[in-house]
C-alpha atoms as a PDB file:
ATOM      1  CA  MET A   1      -1.991  10.835   9.596  1.00  0.00           C
ATOM      2  CA  ARG A   2      -2.414   9.912   5.963  1.00  0.00           C
ATOM      3  CA  ARG A   3       1.374   9.914   5.383  1.00  0.00           C
ATOM      4  CA  SER A   4       1.867   7.598   8.343  1.00  0.00           C
ATOM      5  CA  ARG A   5      -0.669   5.104   6.997  1.00  0.00           C
ATOM      6  CA  ARG A   6       0.991   5.106   3.597  1.00  0.00           C
ATOM      7  CA  THR A   7       4.430   4.435   5.059  1.00  0.00           C
ATOM      8  CA  SER A   8       2.900   1.598   7.065  1.00  0.00           C
ATOM      9  CA  ASP A   9       1.476   0.233   3.794  1.00  0.00           C
ATOM     10  CA  VAL A  10       4.945   0.282   2.216  1.00  0.00           C
ATOM     11  CA  ARG A  11       6.420  -1.458   5.245  1.00  0.00           C
ATOM     12  CA  LEU A  12       3.653  -4.104   5.207  1.00  0.00           C
ATOM     13  CA  MET A  13       3.951  -4.729   1.461  1.00  0.00           C
ATOM     14  CA  ALA A  14       7.724  -5.186   1.839  1.00  0.00           C
ATOM     15  CA  MET A  15       7.517  -7.723   4.669  1.00  0.00           C
ATOM     16  CA  GLY A  16       9.220 -10.887   3.614  1.00  0.00           C
ATOM     17  CA  PRO A  17      11.239 -12.105   1.820  1.00  0.00           C
ATOM     18  CA  ARG A  18       9.498 -15.496   1.995  1.00  0.00           C
ATOM     19  CA  ALA A  19       6.823 -14.958   4.617  1.00  0.00           C
ATOM     20  CA  GLY A  20       4.511 -11.987   4.748  1.00  0.00           C
ATOM     21  CA  ILE A  21       3.115 -10.102   1.806  1.00  0.00           C
ATOM     22  CA  ALA A  22       6.458  -9.423   0.036  1.00  0.00           C
ATOM     23  CA  GLU A  23       4.792  -7.634  -2.897  1.00  0.00           C
ATOM     24  CA  ILE A  24       7.620  -5.123  -3.096  1.00  0.00           C
ATOM     25  CA  ALA A  25      11.319  -5.226  -2.296  1.00  0.00           C
ATOM     26  CA  LEU A  26      12.939  -2.213  -0.657  1.00  0.00           C
ATOM     27  CA  PRO A  27      16.518  -1.316  -1.494  1.00  0.00           C
ATOM     28  CA  GLU A  28      19.060  -2.432   1.109  1.00  0.00           C
ATOM     29  CA  THR A  29      20.240   0.572   3.106  1.00  0.00           C
ATOM     30  CA  GLN A  30      22.071  -1.104   5.987  1.00  0.00           C
ATOM     31  CA  PRO A  31      23.681  -4.468   6.752  1.00  0.00           C
ATOM     32  CA  GLY A  32      20.386  -6.078   7.823  1.00  0.00           C
ATOM     33  CA  SER A  33      18.361  -7.099  10.807  1.00  0.00           C
ATOM     34  CA  SER A  34      20.056  -7.561  14.158  1.00  0.00           C
ATOM     35  CA  ILE A  35      17.858 -10.572  14.921  1.00  0.00           C
ATOM     36  CA  MET A  36      17.147 -12.070  11.473  1.00  0.00           C
ATOM     37  CA  PRO A  37      20.130 -12.514   9.149  1.00  0.00           C
ATOM     38  CA  GLY A  38      19.406 -11.610   5.539  1.00  0.00           C
ATOM     39  CA  LYS A  39      16.331  -9.493   6.258  1.00  0.00           C
ATOM     40  CA  VAL A  40      16.092  -5.971   4.842  1.00  0.00           C
ATOM     41  CA  ASN A  41      14.745  -3.642   7.505  1.00  0.00           C
ATOM     42  CA  PRO A  42      12.475  -0.817   6.306  1.00  0.00           C
ATOM     43  CA  VAL A  43      14.592   1.781   8.122  1.00  0.00           C
ATOM     44  CA  ILE A  44      13.902   4.618   5.671  1.00  0.00           C
ATOM     45  CA  VAL A  45      10.164   3.999   5.912  1.00  0.00           C
ATOM     46  CA  GLU A  46      10.423   3.917   9.695  1.00  0.00           C
ATOM     47  CA  SER A  47      12.442   7.140   9.773  1.00  0.00           C
ATOM     48  CA  LEU A  48       9.726   8.870   7.743  1.00  0.00           C
ATOM     49  CA  THR A  49       7.113   7.614  10.206  1.00  0.00           C
ATOM     50  CA  MET A  50       9.135   9.094  13.076  1.00  0.00           C
ATOM     51  CA  VAL A  51       9.317  12.421  11.254  1.00  0.00           C
ATOM     52  CA  VAL A  52       5.531  12.350  10.901  1.00  0.00           C
ATOM     53  CA  ALA A  53       5.229  11.805  14.666  1.00  0.00           C
ATOM     54  CA  ARG A  54       7.477  14.810  15.341  1.00  0.00           C
ATOM     55  CA  VAL A  55       5.611  17.001  12.838  1.00  0.00           C
ATOM     56  CA  LEU A  56       2.284  16.061  14.440  1.00  0.00           C
ATOM     57  CA  GLY A  57       3.755  17.125  17.798  1.00  0.00           C
ATOM     58  CA  ASN A  58       4.887  20.404  16.239  1.00  0.00           C
ATOM     59  CA  ASP A  59       1.399  20.873  14.811  1.00  0.00           C
ATOM     60  CA  THR A  60       0.021  20.606  18.343  1.00  0.00           C
ATOM     61  CA  THR A  61       2.536  23.218  19.464  1.00  0.00           C
ATOM     62  CA  VAL A  62       1.474  25.577  16.667  1.00  0.00           C
ATOM     63  CA  ALA A  63      -2.205  25.030  17.491  1.00  0.00           C
ATOM     64  CA  PHE A  64      -1.591  25.635  21.199  1.00  0.00           C
ATOM     65  CA  GLY A  65       0.386  28.754  20.326  1.00  0.00           C
ATOM     66  CA  GLN A  66      -2.843  30.635  19.679  1.00  0.00           C
ATOM     67  CA  THR A  67      -3.480  30.590  23.443  1.00  0.00           C
ATOM     68  CA  GLY A  68      -0.648  33.076  23.827  1.00  0.00           C
ATOM     69  CA  SER A  69      -2.552  35.776  21.948  1.00  0.00           C
ATOM     70  CA  PHE A  70      -3.502  38.927  23.839  1.00  0.00           C
ATOM     71  CA  LEU A  71      -5.078  41.585  21.652  1.00  0.00           C
ATOM     72  CA  GLU A  72      -2.489  42.034  18.893  1.00  0.00           C
ATOM     73  CA  LEU A  73       0.406  40.406  20.739  1.00  0.00           C
ATOM     74  CA  ASN A  74       1.210  36.697  20.729  1.00  0.00           C
ATOM     75  CA  VAL A  75       3.851  35.761  23.259  1.00  0.00           C
ATOM     76  CA  MET A  76       3.939  32.193  21.858  1.00  0.00           C
ATOM     77  CA  LEU A  77       5.106  33.306  18.416  1.00  0.00           C
ATOM     78  CA  PRO A  78       8.743  32.210  18.948  1.00  0.00           C
ATOM     79  CA  VAL A  79       7.844  28.602  19.837  1.00  0.00           C
ATOM     80  CA  THR A  80       5.253  28.531  17.048  1.00  0.00           C
ATOM     81  CA  ALA A  81       7.817  29.734  14.512  1.00  0.00           C
ATOM     82  CA  VAL A  82      10.448  27.237  15.689  1.00  0.00           C
ATOM     83  CA  ALA A  83       7.949  24.356  15.499  1.00  0.00           C
ATOM     84  CA  LEU A  84       6.813  25.377  12.021  1.00  0.00           C
ATOM     85  CA  LEU A  85      10.352  25.835  10.690  1.00  0.00           C
ATOM     86  CA  GLU A  86      11.465  22.525  12.201  1.00  0.00           C
ATOM     87  CA  SER A  87       8.513  20.749  10.570  1.00  0.00           C
ATOM     88  CA  ILE A  88       9.318  22.248   7.177  1.00  0.00           C
ATOM     89  CA  ALA A  89      12.973  21.222   7.442  1.00  0.00           C
ATOM     90  CA  LEU A  90      12.141  17.712   8.708  1.00  0.00           C
ATOM     91  CA  LEU A  91       9.529  17.069   6.013  1.00  0.00           C
ATOM     92  CA  ALA A  92      11.803  18.340   3.245  1.00  0.00           C
ATOM     93  CA  ALA A  93      14.733  16.182   4.390  1.00  0.00           C
ATOM     94  CA  ALA A  94      12.560  13.118   5.031  1.00  0.00           C
ATOM     95  CA  ALA A  95      10.794  13.366   1.659  1.00  0.00           C
ATOM     96  CA  ARG A  96      14.130  13.699  -0.140  1.00  0.00           C
ATOM     97  CA  ASN A  97      15.619  10.774   1.830  1.00  0.00           C
ATOM     98  CA  PHE A  98      12.539   8.602   1.225  1.00  0.00           C
ATOM     99  CA  ALA A  99      12.585   9.361  -2.513  1.00  0.00           C
ATOM    100  CA  GLU A 100      16.325   8.711  -2.886  1.00  0.00           C
ATOM    101  CA  ARG A 101      16.774   5.730  -0.567  1.00  0.00           C
ATOM    102  CA  ALA A 102      13.430   3.921  -0.648  1.00  0.00           C
ATOM    103  CA  VAL A 103      11.319   4.847  -3.689  1.00  0.00           C
ATOM    104  CA  THR A 104      14.267   4.830  -6.081  1.00  0.00           C
ATOM    105  CA  GLY A 105      15.278   1.196  -6.157  1.00  0.00           C
ATOM    106  CA  LEU A 106      11.924  -0.120  -4.929  1.00  0.00           C
ATOM    107  CA  THR A 107      10.885  -3.076  -7.058  1.00  0.00           C
ATOM    108  CA  ALA A 108       7.721  -5.088  -7.448  1.00  0.00           C
ATOM    109  CA  THR A 109       8.073  -8.809  -6.823  1.00  0.00           C
ATOM    110  CA  GLU A 110       6.191 -11.648  -8.474  1.00  0.00           C
ATOM    111  CA  ARG A 111       4.357 -12.247  -5.207  1.00  0.00           C
ATOM    112  CA  GLY A 112       1.666  -9.618  -5.913  1.00  0.00           C
ATOM    113  CA  PRO A 113       0.536 -11.081  -9.252  1.00  0.00           C
ATOM    114  CA  ALA A 114       0.720 -14.594  -7.775  1.00  0.00           C
ATOM    115  CA  LEU A 115      -1.567 -13.587  -4.903  1.00  0.00           C
ATOM    116  CA  VAL A 116      -4.037 -12.072  -7.364  1.00  0.00           C
ATOM    117  CA  GLU A 117      -4.007 -15.221  -9.498  1.00  0.00           C
ATOM    118  CA  GLN A 118      -4.692 -17.349  -6.416  1.00  0.00           C
ATOM    119  CA  GLY A 119      -7.389 -14.994  -5.161  1.00  0.00           C
ATOM    120  CA  LEU A 120     -10.978 -16.153  -4.947  1.00  0.00           C
ATOM    121  CA  MET A 121     -12.192 -12.662  -5.875  1.00  0.00           C
ATOM    122  CA  LEU A 122     -11.507 -13.514  -9.517  1.00  0.00           C
ATOM    123  CA  ALA A 123     -14.758 -15.471  -9.485  1.00  0.00           C
ATOM    124  CA  THR A 124     -16.547 -12.112  -9.300  1.00  0.00           C
ATOM    125  CA  ALA A 125     -15.233 -11.231 -12.763  1.00  0.00           C
ATOM    126  CA  LEU A 126     -16.741 -14.445 -14.120  1.00  0.00           C
ATOM    127  CA  ALA A 127     -20.220 -13.827 -12.705  1.00  0.00           C
ATOM    128  CA  PRO A 128     -21.471 -11.772 -15.698  1.00  0.00           C
ATOM    129  CA  GLU A 129     -20.222 -14.520 -18.024  1.00  0.00           C
ATOM    130  CA  ILE A 130     -21.331 -17.696 -16.226  1.00  0.00           C
ATOM    131  CA  GLY A 131     -23.823 -16.433 -13.646  1.00  0.00           C
ATOM    132  CA  TYR A 132     -23.526 -15.716  -9.958  1.00  0.00           C
ATOM    133  CA  ASP A 133     -24.299 -19.237  -8.745  1.00  0.00           C
ATOM    134  CA  ALA A 134     -21.732 -20.873 -11.043  1.00  0.00           C
ATOM    135  CA  ALA A 135     -19.106 -18.287 -10.047  1.00  0.00           C
ATOM    136  CA  ALA A 136     -19.857 -18.925  -6.360  1.00  0.00           C
ATOM    137  CA  THR A 137     -19.492 -22.665  -6.932  1.00  0.00           C
ATOM    138  CA  LEU A 138     -16.097 -22.074  -8.579  1.00  0.00           C
ATOM    139  CA  ALA A 139     -14.946 -19.912  -5.660  1.00  0.00           C
ATOM    140  CA  LYS A 140     -16.005 -22.510  -3.110  1.00  0.00           C
ATOM    141  CA  GLU A 141     -14.289 -25.305  -5.006  1.00  0.00           C
ATOM    142  CA  ALA A 142     -11.123 -23.238  -5.439  1.00  0.00           C
ATOM    143  CA  PHE A 143     -11.072 -22.552  -1.712  1.00  0.00           C
ATOM    144  CA  LYS A 144     -11.650 -26.186  -0.831  1.00  0.00           C
ATOM    145  CA  THR A 145      -9.094 -27.624  -3.272  1.00  0.00           C
ATOM    146  CA  GLY A 146      -6.426 -24.905  -3.302  1.00  0.00           C
ATOM    147  CA  ARG A 147      -6.715 -24.614  -7.074  1.00  0.00           C
ATOM    148  CA  THR A 148      -7.148 -21.335  -8.917  1.00  0.00           C
ATOM    149  CA  ILE A 149     -10.327 -19.903 -10.395  1.00  0.00           C
ATOM    150  CA  ARG A 150      -8.592 -19.934 -13.791  1.00  0.00           C
ATOM    151  CA  GLU A 151      -7.778 -23.666 -13.610  1.00  0.00           C
ATOM    152  CA  LEU A 152     -11.319 -24.561 -12.673  1.00  0.00           C
ATOM    153  CA  ALA A 153     -12.847 -22.273 -15.319  1.00  0.00           C
ATOM    154  CA  VAL A 154     -10.698 -23.866 -18.057  1.00  0.00           C
ATOM    155  CA  GLU A 155     -11.940 -27.296 -16.949  1.00  0.00           C
ATOM    156  CA  ARG A 156     -15.494 -26.027 -17.322  1.00  0.00           C
ATOM    157  CA  GLY A 157     -14.859 -25.055 -20.913  1.00  0.00           C
ATOM    158  CA  ILE A 158     -14.140 -21.332 -20.818  1.00  0.00           C
ATOM    159  CA  ALA A 159     -11.512 -20.620 -23.478  1.00  0.00           C
ATOM    160  CA  ALA A 160      -8.098 -19.535 -22.210  1.00  0.00           C
ATOM    161  CA  GLY A 161      -8.180 -16.377 -24.359  1.00  0.00           C
ATOM    162  CA  ARG A 162     -11.568 -15.387 -22.982  1.00  0.00           C
ATOM    163  CA  LEU A 163     -10.298 -16.019 -19.428  1.00  0.00           C
ATOM    164  CA  ASP A 164      -7.287 -13.797 -20.046  1.00  0.00           C
ATOM    165  CA  GLU A 165      -9.733 -11.072 -21.041  1.00  0.00           C
ATOM    166  CA  LEU A 166     -12.109 -11.617 -18.122  1.00  0.00           C
ATOM    167  CA  LEU A 167      -9.456 -12.135 -15.434  1.00  0.00           C
ATOM    168  CA  ASP A 168      -7.120  -9.273 -16.385  1.00  0.00           C
ATOM    169  CA  PRO A 169      -6.254  -7.527 -13.081  1.00  0.00           C
ATOM    170  CA  ALA A 170      -5.303  -4.266 -14.819  1.00  0.00           C
ATOM    171  CA  SER A 171      -8.699  -3.925 -16.490  1.00  0.00           C
ATOM    172  CA  MET A 172     -10.408  -4.797 -13.195  1.00  0.00           C
ATOM    173  CA  THR A 173      -8.821  -1.776 -11.537  1.00  0.00           C
ATOM    174  CA  GLU A 174      -9.978   0.677 -14.180  1.00  0.00           C
ATOM    175  CA  PRO A 175     -13.182   2.628 -13.575  1.00  0.00           C
ATOM    176  CA  GLY A 176     -16.299   1.158 -15.111  1.00  0.00           C
ATOM    177  CA  LEU A 177     -16.915  -2.216 -16.644  1.00  0.00           C
ATOM    178  CA  GLY A 178     -16.180  -2.188 -20.329  1.00  0.00           C
ATOM    179  CA  GLY A 179     -15.789   1.584 -20.310  1.00  0.00           C
ATOM    180  CA  GLY A 180     -19.141   2.352 -18.687  1.00  0.00           C
ATOM    181  CA  SER A 181     -19.833   4.369 -15.556  1.00  0.00           C
ATOM    182  CA  THR A 182     -19.830   2.712 -12.137  1.00  0.00           C
ATOM    183  CA  GLY A 183     -21.643   5.485 -10.309  1.00  0.00           C
ATOM    184  CA  GLY A 184     -24.260   4.515  -7.878  1.00  0.00           C
END
């Protein structure tokens, strides 16, 4: 199941090119969409999802195969072996195909950083600096006006260099705040 969710994440992040999330661009692997000219279909991602569906079916076959056991004889061993071998072959081929035709050539777009910069969650990073209430006021104003947290914070006198430090998305994704533990 986990693999299927991850392929769905890749497909979702690649939806675009102008509408949708469009945080990543998949390599073109076929002429395009039959209904939308110029669109890149996530066919490799979708093929991997179909392989996952088949492997999950084979897993059910293997699990059911135990019902064929009588003492030290299992009459379901042939179907269990075929299902297991098919799953191994399918997963190996699908992983290789996904790596070669989707992961290699996958590129990040500017849409992801732009969405982060427009995000209201950046006000959270300002709360330790300016206080919760002031950060909440910034977030509400940004939402109402369509402006960014950064623009509004500069107007309120926070230095651009300090904002770059406080609103750095990479440092926000690291564990801890300023190198400390976040356990709790």
